[in-house]
Each structure stands twice: as structure tokens, then as C-alpha cells.
């Protein structure tokens, strides 16, 4: 049986004092970062913001609530959310969730490892 080429996508577990997320870095193309983000069912990911980065989130699997600037709304497969620089956002995850995050610039700088995140 062949091993899936998808297992070769670089994985990074990112932990802070308040949360742990799994990232699968697809790459930087024309200055834009593409990452798959995995969130665990039953977890809450507190509101935070990125001062220098904006992102577009494409929901691939799962459902729950996304909190955008303090307002909760449901998310499910196929939804797309635009998160502007400085916009607070977080998640309340009902089922295992996977989304594509398209960021400019990268939230985690690929050269320095610096993370552009501030909890609110």
C-alpha cells in the first residue's frame, strides 16, 4: 500500500498559554501564505487578532461558531470568512474542523518564526 503524499505536508503544532492548534503549511506563493488549520471538537479558541496580517478562511470540514469582532455566527463546510488586520476572531468548535487559511503576510513569519497574535 502506498503512503499518501499528503503526509509530506509540513506539520507544526503551535501552542500558546491558552490554546494549541495544528498547522499544515502548504507554502508561500507570490508573498501569500497558504495553511491548513485543524481545530479540535469541543474546544474554544479565544478571540485574538493579527496586527499585520489579514486572512481569508475557507471552511473545508466541521461546524461550530466563529466569533468575529465579538459576534458569534455559525460556520459549516463551504463557508468563507475574511479577517481583516486587527479584527478579533475566535472559534467554538462543535465537530473536528479543518480550514484553509490564506494569509498576507504570513501570521507566522517563515524566516523568523515570529507569531503575529494578540489575545483580546
Protein backbone atom coordinates (compact mmCIF):
# COMPACT_ATOMS: atom_id res chain seq x y z
CA UNK A 1 0.00 0.00 0.00
CA UNK A 2 1.36 3.41 -0.99
CA UNK A 3 1.87 6.15 1.60
CA UNK A 4 -0.15 9.27 0.88
CA UNK A 5 1.85 12.20 -0.43
CA UNK A 6 -0.29 14.38 1.86
CA UNK A 7 1.73 13.07 4.83
CA UNK A 8 4.67 15.05 3.44
CA UNK A 9 2.97 18.40 4.09
CA UNK A 10 4.94 20.11 6.89
CA UNK A 11 3.03 19.97 10.20
CA UNK A 12 3.52 22.35 13.10
CA UNK A 13 1.75 22.25 16.46
CA UNK A 14 1.55 25.81 17.75
CA UNK A 15 0.93 26.24 21.48
CA UNK A 16 0.40 29.39 23.50
CA UNK A 17 -0.62 29.81 27.13
CA UNK A 18 -4.28 29.49 26.09
CA UNK A 19 -4.53 27.20 23.06
CA UNK A 20 -2.94 24.63 20.78
CA UNK A 21 -3.60 24.46 17.05
CA UNK A 22 -2.28 22.22 14.30
CA UNK A 23 -0.99 23.86 11.13
CA UNK A 24 -0.11 22.23 7.83
CA UNK A 25 1.98 24.68 5.83
CA UNK A 26 1.25 24.39 2.12
CA UNK A 27 3.63 27.16 1.14
CA UNK A 28 4.15 30.80 0.26
CA UNK A 29 3.14 31.75 -3.27
CA UNK A 30 3.69 35.32 -4.53
CA UNK A 31 4.02 36.56 -0.94
CA UNK A 32 0.83 34.85 0.28
CA UNK A 33 0.86 32.02 2.88
CA UNK A 34 -1.43 29.01 2.45
CA UNK A 35 -2.02 26.83 5.52
CA UNK A 36 -4.47 24.16 6.57
CA UNK A 37 -5.62 24.74 10.16
CA UNK A 38 -7.02 21.91 12.27
CA UNK A 39 -9.23 22.66 15.29
CA UNK A 40 -10.39 20.05 17.81
CA UNK A 41 -14.05 19.29 18.59
CA UNK A 42 -15.36 20.67 21.86
CA UNK A 43 -12.59 23.25 22.13
CA UNK A 44 -12.85 27.01 22.37
CA UNK A 45 -10.18 29.10 20.72
CA UNK A 46 -10.30 32.55 22.35
CA UNK A 47 -10.64 35.78 20.40
CA UNK A 48 -7.36 37.16 19.14
CA UNK A 49 -6.15 39.47 16.40
CA UNK A 50 -3.28 39.88 13.97
CA UNK A 51 -1.99 43.45 13.71
CA UNK A 52 -0.04 42.93 10.48
CA UNK A 53 -1.81 40.05 8.74
CA UNK A 54 -5.14 39.62 7.02
CA UNK A 55 -6.61 36.23 6.19
CA UNK A 56 -9.33 34.53 4.22
CA UNK A 57 -10.67 31.35 5.84
CA UNK A 58 -12.22 28.63 3.66
CA UNK A 59 -14.06 26.05 5.79
CA UNK A 60 -13.33 22.52 4.48
CA UNK A 61 -14.61 20.25 7.28
CA UNK A 62 -16.56 20.70 10.50
CA UNK A 63 -19.02 23.08 12.08
CA UNK A 64 -19.29 25.37 15.06
CA UNK A 65 -19.24 29.06 15.80
CA UNK A 66 -16.80 31.71 14.64
CA UNK A 67 -16.57 34.88 16.71
CA UNK A 68 -15.84 37.93 14.55
CA UNK A 69 -15.42 41.25 16.40
CA UNK A 70 -17.41 39.83 19.34
CA UNK A 71 -20.33 38.50 17.25
CA UNK A 72 -20.93 34.75 17.03
CA UNK A 73 -22.09 33.16 13.81
CA UNK A 74 -22.33 29.58 12.66
CA UNK A 75 -19.80 28.11 10.28
CA UNK A 76 -20.00 24.95 8.22
CA UNK A 77 -18.39 23.36 5.17
CA UNK A 78 -18.13 25.78 2.24
CA UNK A 79 -18.28 29.00 4.26
CA UNK A 80 -15.67 31.70 3.64
CA UNK A 81 -14.70 34.42 6.11
CA UNK A 82 -12.49 37.45 5.56
CA UNK A 83 -10.49 38.51 8.62
CA UNK A 84 -9.02 42.00 8.23
CA UNK A 85 -5.89 43.22 10.01
CA UNK A 86 -6.69 43.92 13.66
CA UNK A 87 -10.08 42.15 13.53
CA UNK A 88 -10.73 39.93 16.56
CA UNK A 89 -11.73 36.35 15.83
CA UNK A 90 -12.03 33.04 17.66
CA UNK A 91 -13.85 29.72 17.48
CA UNK A 92 -16.18 27.45 19.43
CA UNK A 93 -15.76 24.10 17.68
CA UNK A 94 -18.65 21.60 17.57
CA UNK A 95 -17.02 18.97 15.35
CA UNK A 96 -13.44 18.43 14.14
CA UNK A 97 -12.70 21.38 11.87
CA UNK A 98 -10.28 21.95 9.01
CA UNK A 99 -9.97 25.19 7.09
CA UNK A 100 -7.66 26.72 4.51
CA UNK A 101 -6.16 29.98 5.78
CA UNK A 102 -4.81 32.30 3.10
CA UNK A 103 -2.72 34.98 4.81
CA UNK A 104 -0.87 38.09 3.73
CA UNK A 105 1.67 38.41 5.16
CA UNK A 106 2.09 35.09 6.96
CA UNK A 107 0.83 35.10 10.56
CA UNK A 108 3.90 33.04 11.49
CA UNK A 109 6.90 34.50 9.70
CA UNK A 110 8.52 31.58 7.84
CA UNK A 111 12.01 33.07 8.25
CA UNK A 112 11.97 34.29 11.87
CA UNK A 113 9.18 32.21 13.43
CA UNK A 114 7.67 35.40 14.89
CA UNK A 115 3.92 34.99 15.52
CA UNK A 116 1.63 37.96 14.83
CA UNK A 117 -1.03 37.27 17.50
CA UNK A 118 -2.52 39.23 20.38
CA UNK A 119 -5.31 37.86 22.58
CA UNK A 120 -8.18 40.26 23.29
